[in-house]
Amino acid sequence: MLIYHIVLPEVWEKFKDEYEYEAESLASEGFIHCSYRNQLDEVLQRYYKNADKVLILHINPHYLKSELVAEPSTMREIYPHIYGKINKSAIVDIEERNI
């Protein structure tokens, strides 16, 4: 099962040539927010409704080098959180979506 991380194109641009990706939330909250497929539309609507375009990183958790924890988050729903950087070898696809 894949997990997904939403990132703005201008943020991704800073990491496109790096070996690992680090979201701002890693420094501020200690983990990187991700979603399961069925949670994507709600997360996009809740947090990215004012964005013109986003990138959705499709992540294979079996390839992650950082710890992945499924835990309660918004509205007590279980979300996947990555406690560390995302190594690019775990990203199996990048989907561009207009909002």
C-alpha atoms as a PDB file:
ATOM      1  CA  MET A   1       0.000   0.000   0.000  1.00  0.00           C
ATOM      2  CA  LEU A   2       1.356   3.402  -0.964  1.00  0.00           C
ATOM      3  CA  ILE A   3       1.198   6.524   1.170  1.00  0.00           C
ATOM      4  CA  TYR A   4       1.067  10.077  -0.143  1.00  0.00           C
ATOM      5  CA  HIS A   5       2.626  13.422   0.708  1.00  0.00           C
ATOM      6  CA  ILE A   6       1.357  16.689  -0.765  1.00  0.00           C
ATOM      7  CA  VAL A   7       3.894  19.397  -1.550  1.00  0.00           C
ATOM      8  CA  LEU A   8       3.732  22.739  -3.328  1.00  0.00           C
ATOM      9  CA  PRO A   9       5.784  22.821  -6.559  1.00  0.00           C
ATOM     10  CA  GLU A  10       7.987  25.688  -5.326  1.00  0.00           C
ATOM     11  CA  VAL A  11       8.906  23.711  -2.199  1.00  0.00           C
ATOM     12  CA  TRP A  12       9.670  20.563  -4.204  1.00  0.00           C
ATOM     13  CA  GLU A  13      11.877  22.613  -6.535  1.00  0.00           C
ATOM     14  CA  LYS A  14      14.335  23.175  -3.660  1.00  0.00           C
ATOM     15  CA  PHE A  15      14.770  19.416  -3.203  1.00  0.00           C
ATOM     16  CA  LYS A  16      14.543  18.107  -6.759  1.00  0.00           C
ATOM     17  CA  ASP A  17      18.296  17.510  -7.007  1.00  0.00           C
ATOM     18  CA  GLU A  18      18.741  16.275  -3.439  1.00  0.00           C
ATOM     19  CA  TYR A  19      18.938  12.675  -2.251  1.00  0.00           C
ATOM     20  CA  GLU A  20      16.274  13.292   0.408  1.00  0.00           C
ATOM     21  CA  TYR A  21      13.199  15.466   0.850  1.00  0.00           C
ATOM     22  CA  GLU A  22      12.468  17.302   4.093  1.00  0.00           C
ATOM     23  CA  ALA A  23       9.144  19.042   4.715  1.00  0.00           C
ATOM     24  CA  GLU A  24       9.027  22.056   7.044  1.00  0.00           C
ATOM     25  CA  SER A  25       6.923  20.023   9.472  1.00  0.00           C
ATOM     26  CA  LEU A  26       9.908  17.780  10.213  1.00  0.00           C
ATOM     27  CA  ALA A  27      11.629  20.679  11.992  1.00  0.00           C
ATOM     28  CA  SER A  28       8.482  22.178  13.538  1.00  0.00           C
ATOM     29  CA  GLU A  29       6.574  19.004  14.514  1.00  0.00           C
ATOM     30  CA  GLY A  30       9.158  16.212  14.301  1.00  0.00           C
ATOM     31  CA  PHE A  31       7.541  14.343  11.412  1.00  0.00           C
ATOM     32  CA  ILE A  32       6.325  14.671   7.819  1.00  0.00           C
ATOM     33  CA  HIS A  33       2.564  14.507   7.286  1.00  0.00           C
ATOM     34  CA  CYS A  34       1.313  11.898   4.829  1.00  0.00           C
ATOM     35  CA  SER A  35      -2.057  10.467   3.863  1.00  0.00           C
ATOM     36  CA  TYR A  36      -3.604   7.253   2.680  1.00  0.00           C
ATOM     37  CA  ARG A  37      -5.258   7.359  -0.764  1.00  0.00           C
ATOM     38  CA  ASN A  38      -8.779   7.709   0.659  1.00  0.00           C
ATOM     39  CA  GLN A  39      -7.705  10.778   2.700  1.00  0.00           C
ATOM     40  CA  LEU A  40      -6.154  12.807  -0.131  1.00  0.00           C
ATOM     41  CA  ASP A  41      -9.219  14.707  -1.340  1.00  0.00           C
ATOM     42  CA  GLU A  42     -10.149  15.826   2.168  1.00  0.00           C
ATOM     43  CA  VAL A  43      -6.577  16.942   2.949  1.00  0.00           C
ATOM     44  CA  LEU A  44      -6.375  18.828  -0.345  1.00  0.00           C
ATOM     45  CA  GLN A  45      -9.664  20.578   0.398  1.00  0.00           C
ATOM     46  CA  ARG A  46      -8.733  21.370   4.006  1.00  0.00           C
ATOM     47  CA  TYR A  47      -5.153  22.621   3.542  1.00  0.00           C
ATOM     48  CA  TYR A  48      -4.551  23.357  -0.155  1.00  0.00           C
ATOM     49  CA  LYS A  49      -7.781  24.893  -1.428  1.00  0.00           C
ATOM     50  CA  ASN A  50      -6.007  28.175  -2.180  1.00  0.00           C
ATOM     51  CA  ALA A  51      -3.170  26.559  -4.130  1.00  0.00           C
ATOM     52  CA  ASP A  52      -3.251  26.542  -7.920  1.00  0.00           C
ATOM     53  CA  LYS A  53      -1.264  23.359  -8.226  1.00  0.00           C
ATOM     54  CA  VAL A  54       0.237  20.699  -5.938  1.00  0.00           C
ATOM     55  CA  LEU A  55       2.480  17.701  -6.354  1.00  0.00           C
ATOM     56  CA  ILE A  56       1.502  14.424  -4.741  1.00  0.00           C
ATOM     57  CA  LEU A  57       4.435  12.191  -3.882  1.00  0.00           C
ATOM     58  CA  HIS A  58       3.544   8.501  -4.109  1.00  0.00           C
ATOM     59  CA  ILE A  59       5.675   6.773  -1.493  1.00  0.00           C
ATOM     60  CA  ASN A  60       6.354   3.068  -1.096  1.00  0.00           C
ATOM     61  CA  PRO A  61       6.769   2.677   2.683  1.00  0.00           C
ATOM     62  CA  HIS A  62       8.849  -0.489   2.232  1.00  0.00           C
ATOM     63  CA  TYR A  63      11.641   1.633   0.733  1.00  0.00           C
ATOM     64  CA  LEU A  64      11.613   4.334   3.427  1.00  0.00           C
ATOM     65  CA  LYS A  65      14.761   4.678   5.496  1.00  0.00           C
ATOM     66  CA  SER A  66      12.971   6.781   8.135  1.00  0.00           C
ATOM     67  CA  GLU A  67      10.440   5.442  10.611  1.00  0.00           C
ATOM     68  CA  LEU A  68       6.790   5.398   9.530  1.00  0.00           C
ATOM     69  CA  VAL A  69       4.122   5.569  12.248  1.00  0.00           C
ATOM     70  CA  ALA A  70       0.353   5.408  11.743  1.00  0.00           C
ATOM     71  CA  GLU A  71      -1.185   7.535  14.482  1.00  0.00           C
ATOM     72  CA  PRO A  72      -4.194   9.707  15.319  1.00  0.00           C
ATOM     73  CA  SER A  73      -4.163  13.203  13.894  1.00  0.00           C
ATOM     74  CA  THR A  74      -6.939  15.505  12.692  1.00  0.00           C
ATOM     75  CA  MET A  75     -10.366  14.452  13.977  1.00  0.00           C
ATOM     76  CA  ARG A  76      -8.691  11.379  15.570  1.00  0.00           C
ATOM     77  CA  GLU A  77      -8.355   9.809  12.133  1.00  0.00           C
ATOM     78  CA  ILE A  78      -5.254   7.650  11.644  1.00  0.00           C
ATOM     79  CA  TYR A  79      -2.644   9.181   9.314  1.00  0.00           C
ATOM     80  CA  PRO A  80       0.833   7.978   8.340  1.00  0.00           C
ATOM     81  CA  HIS A  81       3.664  10.148   9.671  1.00  0.00           C
ATOM     82  CA  ILE A  82       7.309   9.845   8.631  1.00  0.00           C
ATOM     83  CA  TYR A  83       9.769  10.560  11.442  1.00  0.00           C
ATOM     84  CA  GLY A  84      12.705  11.662   9.326  1.00  0.00           C
ATOM     85  CA  LYS A  85      13.522  12.692   5.794  1.00  0.00           C
ATOM     86  CA  ILE A  86      12.024  10.937   2.790  1.00  0.00           C
ATOM     87  CA  ASN A  87      14.705   9.237   0.728  1.00  0.00           C
ATOM     88  CA  LYS A  88      13.958   9.777  -2.968  1.00  0.00           C
ATOM     89  CA  SER A  89      14.268   6.043  -3.704  1.00  0.00           C
ATOM     90  CA  ALA A  90      10.998   5.560  -1.765  1.00  0.00           C
ATOM     91  CA  ILE A  91       9.127   7.965  -4.084  1.00  0.00           C
ATOM     92  CA  VAL A  92       7.723   5.816  -6.865  1.00  0.00           C
ATOM     93  CA  ASP A  93       5.699   8.500  -8.659  1.00  0.00           C
ATOM     94  CA  ILE A  94       4.963  12.228  -8.557  1.00  0.00           C
ATOM     95  CA  GLU A  95       1.493  13.326  -9.601  1.00  0.00           C
ATOM     96  CA  GLU A  96       0.797  16.921 -10.578  1.00  0.00           C
ATOM     97  CA  ARG A  97      -2.692  18.083  -9.705  1.00  0.00           C
ATOM     98  CA  ASN A  98      -4.420  21.387 -10.414  1.00  0.00           C
ATOM     99  CA  ILE A  99      -6.692  22.499  -7.616  1.00  0.00           C
END
